[in-house]
C-alpha atoms as a PDB file:
ATOM      1  CA  MET A   1      38.127 -58.991  16.145  1.00  0.00           C
ATOM      2  CA  VAL A   2      35.572 -59.745  18.412  1.00  0.00           C
ATOM      3  CA  ASN A   3      33.485 -56.720  19.695  1.00  0.00           C
ATOM      4  CA  ASP A   4      32.892 -56.527  23.406  1.00  0.00           C
ATOM      5  CA  THR A   5      29.678 -54.986  23.067  1.00  0.00           C
ATOM      6  CA  THR A   6      27.149 -53.859  20.673  1.00  0.00           C
ATOM      7  CA  LEU A   7      24.161 -51.002  20.909  1.00  0.00           C
ATOM      8  CA  ILE A   8      21.084 -51.305  18.502  1.00  0.00           C
ATOM      9  CA  ILE A   9      19.772 -47.410  17.830  1.00  0.00           C
ATOM     10  CA  LYS A  10      16.079 -48.181  16.745  1.00  0.00           C
ATOM     11  CA  ASN A  11      15.081 -44.819  17.516  1.00  0.00           C
ATOM     12  CA  ARG A  12      16.004 -41.346  17.473  1.00  0.00           C
ATOM     13  CA  SER A  13      15.600 -41.247  21.325  1.00  0.00           C
ATOM     14  CA  ASP A  14      17.952 -43.750  21.681  1.00  0.00           C
ATOM     15  CA  LYS A  15      20.680 -41.512  21.040  1.00  0.00           C
ATOM     16  CA  ASP A  16      21.614 -40.212  24.361  1.00  0.00           C
ATOM     17  CA  ARG A  17      20.993 -43.791  25.814  1.00  0.00           C
ATOM     18  CA  THR A  18      23.926 -45.397  23.420  1.00  0.00           C
ATOM     19  CA  ILE A  19      25.938 -42.674  24.501  1.00  0.00           C
ATOM     20  CA  LYS A  20      25.647 -43.337  28.037  1.00  0.00           C
ATOM     21  CA  ASP A  21      25.810 -47.503  27.099  1.00  0.00           C
ATOM     22  CA  ALA A  22      28.768 -46.382  25.207  1.00  0.00           C
ATOM     23  CA  ILE A  23      30.736 -43.560  28.142  1.00  0.00           C
ATOM     24  CA  PHE A  24      30.261 -46.659  30.325  1.00  0.00           C
ATOM     25  CA  ALA A  25      31.631 -48.920  28.096  1.00  0.00           C
ATOM     26  CA  PHE A  26      34.123 -47.692  27.795  1.00  0.00           C
ATOM     27  CA  SER A  27      34.887 -46.865  30.805  1.00  0.00           C
ATOM     28  CA  GLY A  28      34.847 -50.664  32.568  1.00  0.00           C
ATOM     29  CA  GLY A  29      37.403 -51.715  30.114  1.00  0.00           C
ATOM     30  CA  THR A  30      35.810 -52.819  27.005  1.00  0.00           C
ATOM     31  CA  LYS A  31      38.426 -52.288  23.727  1.00  0.00           C
ATOM     32  CA  SER A  32      35.962 -52.226  21.427  1.00  0.00           C
ATOM     33  CA  LEU A  33      31.927 -51.323  20.583  1.00  0.00           C
ATOM     34  CA  MET A  34      29.839 -51.902  17.694  1.00  0.00           C
ATOM     35  CA  ILE A  35      26.651 -49.452  16.705  1.00  0.00           C
ATOM     36  CA  LYS A  36      24.331 -50.918  14.349  1.00  0.00           C
ATOM     37  CA  GLY A  37      21.072 -48.968  13.118  1.00  0.00           C
ATOM     38  CA  GLU A  38      18.860 -49.170   9.679  1.00  0.00           C
ATOM     39  CA  GLY A  39      16.728 -47.359   7.450  1.00  0.00           C
ATOM     40  CA  ASP A  40      16.247 -43.705   9.192  1.00  0.00           C
ATOM     41  CA  GLU A  41      18.818 -44.802  12.029  1.00  0.00           C
ATOM     42  CA  ILE A  42      21.361 -44.664   9.686  1.00  0.00           C
ATOM     43  CA  SER A  43      22.347 -41.138  10.774  1.00  0.00           C
ATOM     44  CA  THR A  44      21.622 -41.564  14.219  1.00  0.00           C
ATOM     45  CA  ALA A  45      24.336 -44.669  14.378  1.00  0.00           C
ATOM     46  CA  VAL A  46      26.555 -41.766  12.566  1.00  0.00           C
ATOM     47  CA  GLU A  47      25.885 -39.132  14.601  1.00  0.00           C
ATOM     48  CA  VAL A  48      27.014 -41.502  17.909  1.00  0.00           C
ATOM     49  CA  ALA A  49      29.382 -42.577  16.492  1.00  0.00           C
ATOM     50  CA  GLU A  50      31.323 -39.417  15.992  1.00  0.00           C
ATOM     51  CA  ILE A  51      30.746 -37.685  19.120  1.00  0.00           C
ATOM     52  CA  LEU A  52      32.439 -40.604  20.725  1.00  0.00           C
ATOM     53  CA  LYS A  53      35.129 -40.590  18.241  1.00  0.00           C
ATOM     54  CA  HIS A  54      35.119 -35.909  18.807  1.00  0.00           C
ATOM     55  CA  ARG A  55      34.182 -35.070  21.904  1.00  0.00           C
ATOM     56  CA  MET A  56      34.527 -38.020  24.506  1.00  0.00           C
ATOM     57  CA  TYR A  57      37.034 -39.990  23.902  1.00  0.00           C
ATOM     58  CA  PRO A  58      39.781 -38.570  21.701  1.00  0.00           C
ATOM     59  CA  GLY A  59      41.692 -42.502  22.113  1.00  0.00           C
ATOM     60  CA  VAL A  60      38.486 -43.699  20.406  1.00  0.00           C
ATOM     61  CA  GLU A  61      39.201 -44.666  16.557  1.00  0.00           C
ATOM     62  CA  ILE A  62      36.507 -46.160  14.151  1.00  0.00           C
ATOM     63  CA  ALA A  63      38.026 -48.956  13.035  1.00  0.00           C
ATOM     64  CA  ASN A  64      35.479 -51.125  10.759  1.00  0.00           C
ATOM     65  CA  ILE A  65      32.318 -49.773   8.820  1.00  0.00           C
ATOM     66  CA  SER A  66      29.802 -52.398   7.060  1.00  0.00           C
ATOM     67  CA  LEU A  67      27.049 -50.762   5.208  1.00  0.00           C
ATOM     68  CA  GLY A  68      24.678 -53.084   3.717  1.00  0.00           C
ATOM     69  CA  SER A  69      20.906 -53.999   3.466  1.00  0.00           C
ATOM     70  CA  ARG A  70      18.094 -56.602   4.558  1.00  0.00           C
ATOM     71  CA  PRO A  71      14.821 -57.528   2.755  1.00  0.00           C
ATOM     72  CA  TYR A  72      12.284 -55.540   4.265  1.00  0.00           C
ATOM     73  CA  TYR A  73       9.378 -57.651   6.163  1.00  0.00           C
ATOM     74  CA  TYR A  74       5.474 -56.253   6.394  1.00  0.00           C
ATOM     75  CA  ASP A  75       3.951 -56.874   9.804  1.00  0.00           C
ATOM     76  CA  ASN A  76      -0.116 -57.295   9.979  1.00  0.00           C
ATOM     77  CA  ARG A  77      -0.432 -54.205  10.383  1.00  0.00           C
ATOM     78  CA  GLN A  78       0.903 -53.632   7.657  1.00  0.00           C
ATOM     79  CA  ALA A  79      -0.277 -56.316   4.894  1.00  0.00           C
ATOM     80  CA  TYR A  80      -4.106 -55.332   5.035  1.00  0.00           C
ATOM     81  CA  ARG A  81      -2.631 -51.489   3.167  1.00  0.00           C
ATOM     82  CA  VAL A  82      -0.715 -52.749   0.863  1.00  0.00           C
ATOM     83  CA  LYS A  83      -2.034 -54.175  -2.360  1.00  0.00           C
ATOM     84  CA  LYS A  84      -1.147 -57.302  -3.516  1.00  0.00           C
ATOM     85  CA  LYS A  85       0.518 -56.983  -6.227  1.00  0.00           C
ATOM     86  CA  ASP A  86       3.096 -54.658  -4.190  1.00  0.00           C
ATOM     87  CA  LYS A  87       3.411 -57.366  -1.057  1.00  0.00           C
ATOM     88  CA  GLN A  88       5.500 -59.432  -3.512  1.00  0.00           C
ATOM     89  CA  LYS A  89       7.612 -56.921  -4.650  1.00  0.00           C
ATOM     90  CA  LYS A  90      11.051 -57.604  -1.992  1.00  0.00           C
ATOM     91  CA  ASP A  91      11.901 -54.179  -0.535  1.00  0.00           C
ATOM     92  CA  LEU A  92      15.180 -53.438   1.293  1.00  0.00           C
ATOM     93  CA  ILE A  93      16.300 -51.521   4.206  1.00  0.00           C
ATOM     94  CA  SER A  94      19.544 -50.282   4.693  1.00  0.00           C
ATOM     95  CA  LYS A  95      21.697 -51.582   6.977  1.00  0.00           C
ATOM     96  CA  ILE A  96      25.420 -50.038   9.004  1.00  0.00           C
ATOM     97  CA  GLU A  97      27.789 -51.425  11.475  1.00  0.00           C
ATOM     98  CA  ILE A  98      30.431 -49.167  13.016  1.00  0.00           C
ATOM     99  CA  THR A  99      33.132 -50.521  14.984  1.00  0.00           C
ATOM    100  CA  LEU A 100      34.430 -47.841  17.540  1.00  0.00           C
ATOM    101  CA  SER A 101      37.924 -49.615  18.933  1.00  0.00           C
ATOM    102  CA  LYS A 102      39.927 -47.274  21.901  1.00  0.00           C
ATOM    103  CA  SER A 103      43.745 -47.507  21.147  1.00  0.00           C
ATOM    104  CA  ILE A 104      45.808 -48.694  24.140  1.00  0.00           C
ATOM    105  CA  GLN A 105      47.193 -45.682  25.725  1.00  0.00           C
END
């Protein structure tokens, strides 16, 4: 299933914007929508999916949920704070991808 639209949540304040974008996408004829969140924003992604499913569009169903992780990379601002031995550890960030699909009525 190819997703028509992908919405990425980067911080908690993106919740209202993401809900609005999803409503516009479904109103415009989009059949499926993917919501992505990483780290602390996993709960925000789940909350957005539940709001769209229960409150906004009764015809929207959760088609797929994908869980995973990716390596975390330190940027130059954080690198000086981290000890040398800690830089060699593999840090992981959890991620979630929720696919919503609109049932045909």
